[in-house]
Amino acid sequence: MEAAMKPHFFNHGRPDSDPKEMENCHWCQIRSFKTHKTIPITIVNEVDDEVLNPNFRFIDHSVITDDIPVADDSFKTGCNCASDEDCMYSTCQCLEEMATDSDEDEDEDEDDSSRNPGRRKRFAYHSSGPKAGLLRSRILQSREPIYECHKLCSCSPQCPNRVVERGRTVPLQIFRTKDRGWGVRCPVDLKKGQFVDRYLGEIITRKEADRRRAEATLAERKDVYLFALDKFENANSDDPLLAEPPEVDGEWMSGPTRFINHSCEPNMRIFARVGDRADKHLHDLALFAIQDIPAGEELTFDYVDGLEELDSDAHDSSKQKDMTKCLCGTKSCRGYLW
């Protein structure tokens, strides 16, 4: 690790330095992010001499390949709420497809019902008090998509319905684990329901994703890095963009979440987050803490979110040789990922 850092600190920026070295340097890549000074990404290895693959590149937004259709601007719309507060209620156009709370499952801010009698929130987050900005319990315990305001909306950038839109707000550290390669932790405490970061990568067609899977060896199981944007997949949809949604490949370009390990007892979960509904097929994969996470504890999520069909396959010895073993080591480990 120390040897890998020397070119960065002693050669980069010199008149005779190789521009290619700077371009391919992971430290230069993460230092170029606008958020580096306040919420940095760091890389540490106190276990062995391994370094990140030099062919990997850090990015701070997903890269949409040319063959992925993007909705025309004429189909995109934002809300025209009169105030940021209105973006929390059913009058906000961005929240039209979110369920309205019932009296039984409402877990709003304590004084919300008295301040706004008769108004039901479709908003996914707590809006005030110590839980402000955290996912509400009903959403956190579900698989519901999250709908947020975005850059085409009339509300301000401080709108409480722009949590994922505003991006990561905590530092993250990529570190070398003792037995599972690289992992990720956060140097500060995370609260249950707190947004951590998005999973980024190349957004590619399903056909291209299948081609990359076919080229991968069992030892380099491609599905570790490929995540389908299929939350709204519908072959019969009037929207052709939802008939065969794309996938995100974070193997060779991504953010720090690409290095988060799987666990059958995870402390985070991925939620589909939608900004402009015209581009549902390009929804974000947003990671939220599903429990309080102390500073320094490894961050994990369930790569397959506990799909039931894996359990039967894991007990079939004829299928196990082609399956990817799980190394999470938890008490409820399923034994295999897929």
Protein backbone atom coordinates (compact mmCIF):
# COMPACT_ATOMS: atom_id res chain seq x y z
CA MET A 1 0.00 0.00 0.00
CA GLU A 2 2.77 2.42 0.93
CA ALA A 3 4.65 1.62 -2.29
CA ALA A 4 1.54 2.36 -4.33
CA MET A 5 1.15 5.77 -2.72
CA LYS A 6 4.71 6.95 -3.39
CA PRO A 7 4.13 7.89 -7.06
CA HIS A 8 1.19 10.03 -5.96
CA PHE A 9 3.01 12.02 -3.31
CA PHE A 10 6.42 12.31 -4.92
CA ASN A 11 5.76 12.47 -8.67
CA HIS A 12 2.27 13.77 -9.38
CA GLY A 13 2.11 17.40 -10.37
CA ARG A 14 5.78 17.59 -11.39
CA PRO A 15 6.48 19.00 -14.88
CA ASP A 16 8.07 15.71 -15.97
CA SER A 17 5.37 13.46 -14.49
CA ASP A 18 3.33 11.20 -16.75
CA PRO A 19 -0.26 12.53 -17.16
CA LYS A 20 -1.44 8.92 -17.53
CA GLU A 21 -0.20 8.18 -14.01
CA MET A 22 -2.29 11.00 -12.60
CA GLU A 23 -5.34 9.97 -14.62
CA ASN A 24 -5.11 6.38 -13.37
CA CYS A 25 -4.29 7.25 -9.76
CA HIS A 26 -7.12 6.41 -7.36
CA TRP A 27 -6.05 9.14 -4.93
CA CYS A 28 -6.16 11.77 -7.68
CA GLN A 29 -9.58 10.54 -8.78
CA ILE A 30 -11.18 10.83 -5.34
CA ARG A 31 -9.39 14.10 -4.55
CA SER A 32 -10.99 15.62 -7.68
CA PHE A 33 -14.50 15.18 -6.27
CA LYS A 34 -16.11 18.43 -5.07
CA THR A 35 -16.98 16.78 -1.75
CA HIS A 36 -13.43 15.62 -0.96
CA LYS A 37 -12.55 18.30 1.59
CA THR A 38 -15.69 17.89 3.68
CA ILE A 39 -16.72 14.23 3.23
CA PRO A 40 -13.67 12.42 1.86
CA ILE A 41 -13.30 8.89 0.55
CA THR A 42 -10.17 7.25 2.00
CA ILE A 43 -8.37 3.98 1.27
CA VAL A 44 -6.42 2.04 3.91
CA ASN A 45 -4.77 -1.37 4.08
CA GLU A 46 -3.31 -2.57 7.38
CA VAL A 47 -3.55 -6.26 6.48
CA ASP A 48 -1.33 -6.99 3.46
CA ASP A 49 0.33 -5.37 0.43
CA GLU A 50 -2.70 -5.46 -1.88
CA VAL A 51 -3.83 -2.29 -3.66
CA LEU A 52 -6.98 -1.54 -5.65
CA ASN A 53 -6.93 -2.80 -9.22
CA PRO A 54 -5.19 -0.06 -11.26
CA ASN A 55 -7.79 -0.51 -14.02
CA PHE A 56 -10.58 0.55 -11.69
CA ARG A 57 -11.72 4.17 -11.89
CA PHE A 58 -13.60 6.18 -9.25
CA ILE A 59 -16.59 8.16 -10.54
CA ASP A 60 -19.10 10.38 -8.73
CA HIS A 61 -22.01 9.77 -11.09
CA SER A 62 -23.12 6.81 -13.21
CA VAL A 63 -22.06 6.72 -16.86
CA ILE A 64 -24.93 6.05 -19.28
CA THR A 65 -23.73 4.27 -22.41
CA ASP A 66 -24.83 5.52 -25.81
CA ASP A 67 -27.29 2.67 -26.48
CA ILE A 68 -29.38 3.38 -23.36
CA PRO A 69 -32.46 5.49 -24.21
CA VAL A 70 -33.00 8.59 -22.10
CA ALA A 71 -36.36 10.37 -22.00
CA ASP A 72 -36.62 13.48 -24.13
CA ASP A 73 -36.73 16.75 -22.20
CA SER A 74 -40.28 17.35 -23.41
CA PHE A 75 -41.44 14.36 -21.35
CA LYS A 76 -39.71 15.47 -18.14
CA THR A 77 -41.53 17.46 -15.50
CA GLY A 78 -41.03 18.65 -11.94
CA CYS A 79 -43.43 19.69 -9.22
CA ASN A 80 -44.70 23.24 -8.92
CA CYS A 81 -45.27 23.24 -5.16
CA ALA A 82 -45.65 26.68 -3.65
CA SER A 83 -43.28 25.85 -0.79
CA ASP A 84 -40.78 23.17 0.25
CA GLU A 85 -43.23 21.96 2.90
CA ASP A 86 -45.85 21.20 0.25
CA CYS A 87 -43.43 18.67 -1.26
CA MET A 88 -44.17 16.35 1.67
CA TYR A 89 -47.87 15.94 0.90
CA SER A 90 -50.11 14.38 -1.71
CA THR A 91 -50.40 17.68 -3.58
CA CYS A 92 -46.77 17.28 -4.77
CA GLN A 93 -46.72 15.85 -8.30
CA CYS A 94 -43.46 14.02 -7.56
CA LEU A 95 -45.24 11.85 -4.96
CA GLU A 96 -48.25 10.81 -7.05
CA GLU A 97 -47.20 7.15 -7.07
CA MET A 98 -46.29 6.87 -3.39
CA ALA A 99 -48.81 5.33 -1.02
CA THR A 100 -50.61 7.63 1.39
CA ASP A 101 -50.26 6.79 5.09
CA SER A 102 -53.17 5.36 7.02
CA ASP A 103 -53.85 6.34 10.62
CA GLU A 104 -52.58 2.95 11.74
CA ASP A 105 -49.14 3.03 10.14
CA GLU A 106 -48.38 6.74 10.30
CA ASP A 107 -45.02 7.39 12.02
CA GLU A 108 -44.66 11.09 11.36
CA ASP A 109 -42.88 13.76 13.33
CA GLU A 110 -44.58 13.92 16.70
CA ASP A 111 -46.27 17.29 16.17
CA ASP A 112 -47.16 16.87 12.48
CA SER A 113 -50.80 15.92 12.96
CA SER A 114 -51.44 18.97 15.14
CA ARG A 115 -49.65 21.35 12.77
CA ASN A 116 -51.32 19.98 9.64
CA PRO A 117 -54.71 18.49 10.57
CA GLY A 118 -56.29 16.47 7.78
CA ARG A 119 -53.15 16.30 5.63
CA ARG A 120 -51.57 12.91 4.95
CA LYS A 121 -47.95 12.59 3.95
CA ARG A 122 -46.66 10.60 1.02
CA PHE A 123 -43.21 11.87 1.86
CA ALA A 124 -40.65 9.10 2.62
CA TYR A 125 -38.66 10.97 5.28
CA HIS A 126 -39.02 12.51 8.70
CA SER A 127 -39.03 16.26 8.23
CA SER A 128 -38.15 17.68 11.66
CA GLY A 129 -36.62 16.86 15.01
CA PRO A 130 -33.74 14.43 15.63
CA LYS A 131 -34.97 12.11 12.85
CA ALA A 132 -35.10 14.77 10.14
CA GLY A 133 -33.92 13.36 6.82
CA LEU A 134 -34.16 9.72 7.94
CA LEU A 135 -36.40 7.21 6.17
CA ARG A 136 -39.64 6.67 8.01
CA SER A 137 -40.20 3.22 9.52
CA ARG A 138 -42.96 2.22 7.10
CA ILE A 139 -40.69 2.80 4.11
CA LEU A 140 -37.60 1.32 5.76
CA GLN A 141 -39.39 -1.96 6.46
CA SER A 142 -40.77 -2.22 2.94
CA ARG A 143 -39.47 -2.65 -0.60
CA GLU A 144 -41.28 0.47 -1.79
CA PRO A 145 -39.53 2.81 -4.23
CA ILE A 146 -38.73 6.34 -3.06
CA TYR A 147 -39.92 9.29 -5.14
CA GLU A 148 -38.05 12.55 -4.70
CA CYS A 149 -38.09 16.09 -6.03
CA HIS A 150 -35.33 16.92 -8.50
CA LYS A 151 -33.66 19.66 -10.52
CA LEU A 152 -36.76 20.39 -12.64
CA CYS A 153 -38.90 21.05 -9.56
CA SER A 154 -39.84 24.52 -8.34
CA CYS A 155 -38.85 23.72 -4.74
CA SER A 156 -35.48 24.80 -3.38
CA PRO A 157 -32.33 22.64 -3.14
CA GLN A 158 -33.05 22.48 0.62
CA CYS A 159 -36.41 20.77 0.04
CA PRO A 160 -36.74 17.92 2.59
CA ASN A 161 -37.74 15.61 -0.26
CA ARG A 162 -34.27 15.78 -1.85
CA VAL A 163 -32.23 13.48 0.39
CA VAL A 164 -30.69 11.20 -2.26
CA GLU A 165 -30.78 14.08 -4.75
CA ARG A 166 -28.32 16.03 -2.58
CA GLY A 167 -25.90 13.09 -2.52
CA ARG A 168 -23.66 11.49 0.08
CA THR A 169 -23.16 13.50 3.27
CA VAL A 170 -20.88 11.17 5.26
CA PRO A 171 -17.22 10.17 4.77
CA LEU A 172 -16.50 6.60 3.71
CA GLN A 173 -13.38 4.49 4.03
CA ILE A 174 -12.40 1.56 1.82
CA PHE A 175 -10.35 -0.84 3.92
CA ARG A 176 -8.72 -4.24 3.56
CA THR A 177 -10.52 -6.98 5.51
CA LYS A 178 -8.73 -10.03 6.89
CA ASP A 179 -10.63 -12.62 4.87
CA ARG A 180 -13.01 -10.99 2.35
CA GLY A 181 -10.91 -8.63 0.27
CA TRP A 182 -11.88 -4.98 0.40
CA GLY A 183 -14.74 -3.62 2.49
CA VAL A 184 -16.23 -0.26 3.41
CA ARG A 185 -16.86 1.45 6.74
CA CYS A 186 -17.94 4.89 7.87
CA PRO A 187 -15.74 6.88 10.31
CA VAL A 188 -18.85 8.44 11.91
CA ASP A 189 -21.98 6.96 13.48
CA LEU A 190 -24.88 6.29 11.14
CA LYS A 191 -28.51 6.40 12.24
CA LYS A 192 -31.23 3.94 11.33
CA GLY A 193 -32.88 5.25 8.16
CA GLN A 194 -29.91 7.43 7.13
CA PHE A 195 -28.93 7.67 3.46
CA VAL A 196 -25.35 6.51 2.92
CA ASP A 197 -24.59 6.62 -0.81
CA ARG A 198 -25.66 5.38 -4.24
CA TYR A 199 -24.32 2.39 -6.16
CA LEU A 200 -22.74 3.78 -9.32
CA GLY A 201 -21.35 2.30 -12.51
CA GLU A 202 -21.80 1.97 -16.24
CA ILE A 203 -25.46 1.78 -17.17
CA ILE A 204 -25.62 -0.83 -19.93
CA THR A 205 -28.27 -2.80 -21.82
CA ARG A 206 -29.37 -6.19 -20.55
CA LYS A 207 -27.89 -7.75 -23.68
CA GLU A 208 -24.50 -6.23 -22.90
CA ALA A 209 -24.80 -7.29 -19.25
CA ASP A 210 -25.46 -10.88 -20.33
CA ARG A 211 -22.46 -10.74 -22.65
CA ARG A 212 -20.22 -9.61 -19.79
CA ARG A 213 -21.62 -12.35 -17.55
CA ALA A 214 -20.83 -14.95 -20.18
CA GLU A 215 -17.22 -13.75 -20.43
CA ALA A 216 -16.65 -13.83 -16.65
CA THR A 217 -15.15 -16.88 -14.97
CA LEU A 218 -16.69 -18.51 -11.91
CA ALA A 219 -13.86 -17.06 -9.81
CA GLU A 220 -14.79 -13.59 -11.02
CA ARG A 221 -18.56 -13.94 -10.78
CA LYS A 222 -19.87 -10.90 -12.65
CA ASP A 223 -23.12 -10.76 -10.70
CA VAL A 224 -21.21 -9.36 -7.73
CA TYR A 225 -20.98 -6.06 -9.62
CA LEU A 226 -24.08 -6.12 -11.84
CA PHE A 227 -27.39 -4.83 -10.50
CA ALA A 228 -30.51 -4.68 -12.67
CA LEU A 229 -32.59 -1.50 -12.69
CA ASP A 230 -35.70 -3.66 -12.82
CA LYS A 231 -37.83 -2.25 -10.00
CA PHE A 232 -40.43 -1.09 -12.53
CA GLU A 233 -39.91 -3.72 -15.22
CA ASN A 234 -43.12 -4.47 -17.09
CA ALA A 235 -43.14 -6.13 -20.47
CA ASN A 236 -46.70 -4.89 -21.04
CA SER A 237 -46.06 -1.30 -20.01
CA ASP A 238 -47.06 1.55 -22.31
CA ASP A 239 -43.59 2.89 -21.57
CA PRO A 240 -41.13 1.01 -23.84
CA LEU A 241 -38.27 2.04 -21.53
CA LEU A 242 -39.66 -0.30 -18.84
CA ALA A 243 -40.01 -3.33 -21.11
CA GLU A 244 -36.33 -4.31 -20.85
CA PRO A 245 -34.60 -2.13 -18.26
CA PRO A 246 -30.81 -1.68 -18.14
CA GLU A 247 -28.27 -2.84 -15.57
CA VAL A 248 -25.51 -1.08 -13.63
CA ASP A 249 -22.00 -2.53 -13.87
CA GLY A 250 -19.70 -1.19 -11.15
CA GLU A 251 -16.76 -3.54 -11.66
CA TRP A 252 -14.39 -1.15 -13.45
CA MET A 253 -15.90 2.26 -12.69
CA SER A 254 -17.94 3.12 -9.63
CA GLY A 255 -17.92 4.86 -6.27
CA PRO A 256 -16.87 3.52 -2.86
CA THR A 257 -20.07 1.46 -2.48
CA ARG A 258 -18.74 -0.90 -5.15
CA PHE A 259 -16.45 -2.33 -2.41
CA ILE A 260 -19.23 -3.00 0.11
CA ASN A 261 -19.43 -6.68 1.01
CA HIS A 262 -22.51 -8.90 1.15
CA SER A 263 -24.02 -10.12 4.39
CA CYS A 264 -27.00 -12.35 5.11
CA GLU A 265 -27.50 -10.13 8.19
CA PRO A 266 -26.89 -6.71 6.59
CA ASN A 267 -26.95 -3.30 8.22
CA MET A 268 -28.02 -1.53 5.00
CA ARG A 269 -30.55 -2.04 2.20
CA ILE A 270 -30.82 -0.80 -1.37
CA PHE A 271 -33.90 1.18 -2.32
CA ALA A 272 -34.97 2.29 -5.79
CA ARG A 273 -35.04 6.08 -5.83
CA VAL A 274 -36.88 7.92 -8.62
CA GLY A 275 -36.33 11.53 -9.59
CA ASP A 276 -38.04 12.42 -12.86
CA ARG A 277 -40.63 9.70 -13.52
CA ALA A 278 -39.97 9.85 -17.27
CA ASP A 279 -36.66 8.11 -16.56
CA LYS A 280 -37.87 5.42 -14.16
CA HIS A 281 -35.68 2.89 -15.95
CA LEU A 282 -32.66 4.92 -14.77
CA HIS A 283 -33.63 5.03 -11.10
CA ASP A 284 -30.93 5.32 -8.45
CA LEU A 285 -29.84 2.41 -6.27
CA ALA A 286 -29.73 4.17 -2.91
CA LEU A 287 -28.23 2.55 0.18
CA PHE A 288 -29.82 3.33 3.56
CA ALA A 289 -28.87 2.13 7.04
CA ILE A 290 -31.55 -0.23 8.40
CA GLN A 291 -30.18 -0.03 11.94
CA ASP A 292 -27.91 2.25 13.94
CA ILE A 293 -24.33 1.62 12.78
CA PRO A 294 -21.44 2.61 15.09
CA ALA A 295 -18.47 4.41 13.57
CA GLY A 296 -15.94 1.94 12.15
CA GLU A 297 -18.33 -1.01 11.79
CA GLU A 298 -18.19 -2.62 8.35
CA LEU A 299 -21.06 -1.64 6.06
CA THR A 300 -22.91 -4.51 4.36
CA PHE A 301 -26.02 -5.19 2.33
CA ASP A 302 -27.71 -8.33 1.03
CA TYR A 303 -26.72 -8.67 -2.63
CA VAL A 304 -29.87 -10.68 -3.41
CA ASP A 305 -32.08 -9.26 -0.64
CA GLY A 306 -32.89 -12.73 0.69
CA LEU A 307 -34.48 -14.26 -2.43
CA GLU A 308 -36.26 -17.42 -1.30
CA GLU A 309 -35.33 -19.60 -4.29
CA LEU A 310 -31.68 -19.53 -3.24
CA ASP A 311 -32.39 -21.53 -0.10
CA SER A 312 -33.48 -24.68 -1.96
CA ASP A 313 -30.62 -24.47 -4.46
CA ALA A 314 -28.06 -24.12 -1.66
CA HIS A 315 -29.04 -27.57 -0.37
CA ASP A 316 -28.82 -29.21 -3.79
CA SER A 317 -25.31 -30.70 -4.05
CA SER A 318 -25.58 -30.99 -7.84
CA LYS A 319 -25.97 -27.20 -8.11
CA GLN A 320 -23.48 -26.12 -5.45
CA LYS A 321 -20.40 -26.52 -7.67
CA ASP A 322 -21.66 -23.72 -9.92
CA MET A 323 -22.80 -21.46 -7.10
CA THR A 324 -20.98 -18.55 -5.45
CA LYS A 325 -20.19 -19.23 -1.78
CA CYS A 326 -21.12 -16.67 0.83
CA LEU A 327 -18.31 -15.63 3.19
CA CYS A 328 -20.29 -13.35 5.51
CA GLY A 329 -19.89 -15.70 8.50
CA THR A 330 -23.15 -14.62 10.17
CA LYS A 331 -25.35 -16.99 12.17
CA SER A 332 -28.07 -16.93 9.50
CA CYS A 333 -25.69 -17.25 6.53
CA ARG A 334 -27.43 -18.94 3.58
CA GLY A 335 -24.17 -20.53 2.46
CA TYR A 336 -24.35 -19.31 -1.13
CA LEU A 337 -25.18 -16.07 -2.93
CA TRP A 338 -26.43 -17.59 -6.20
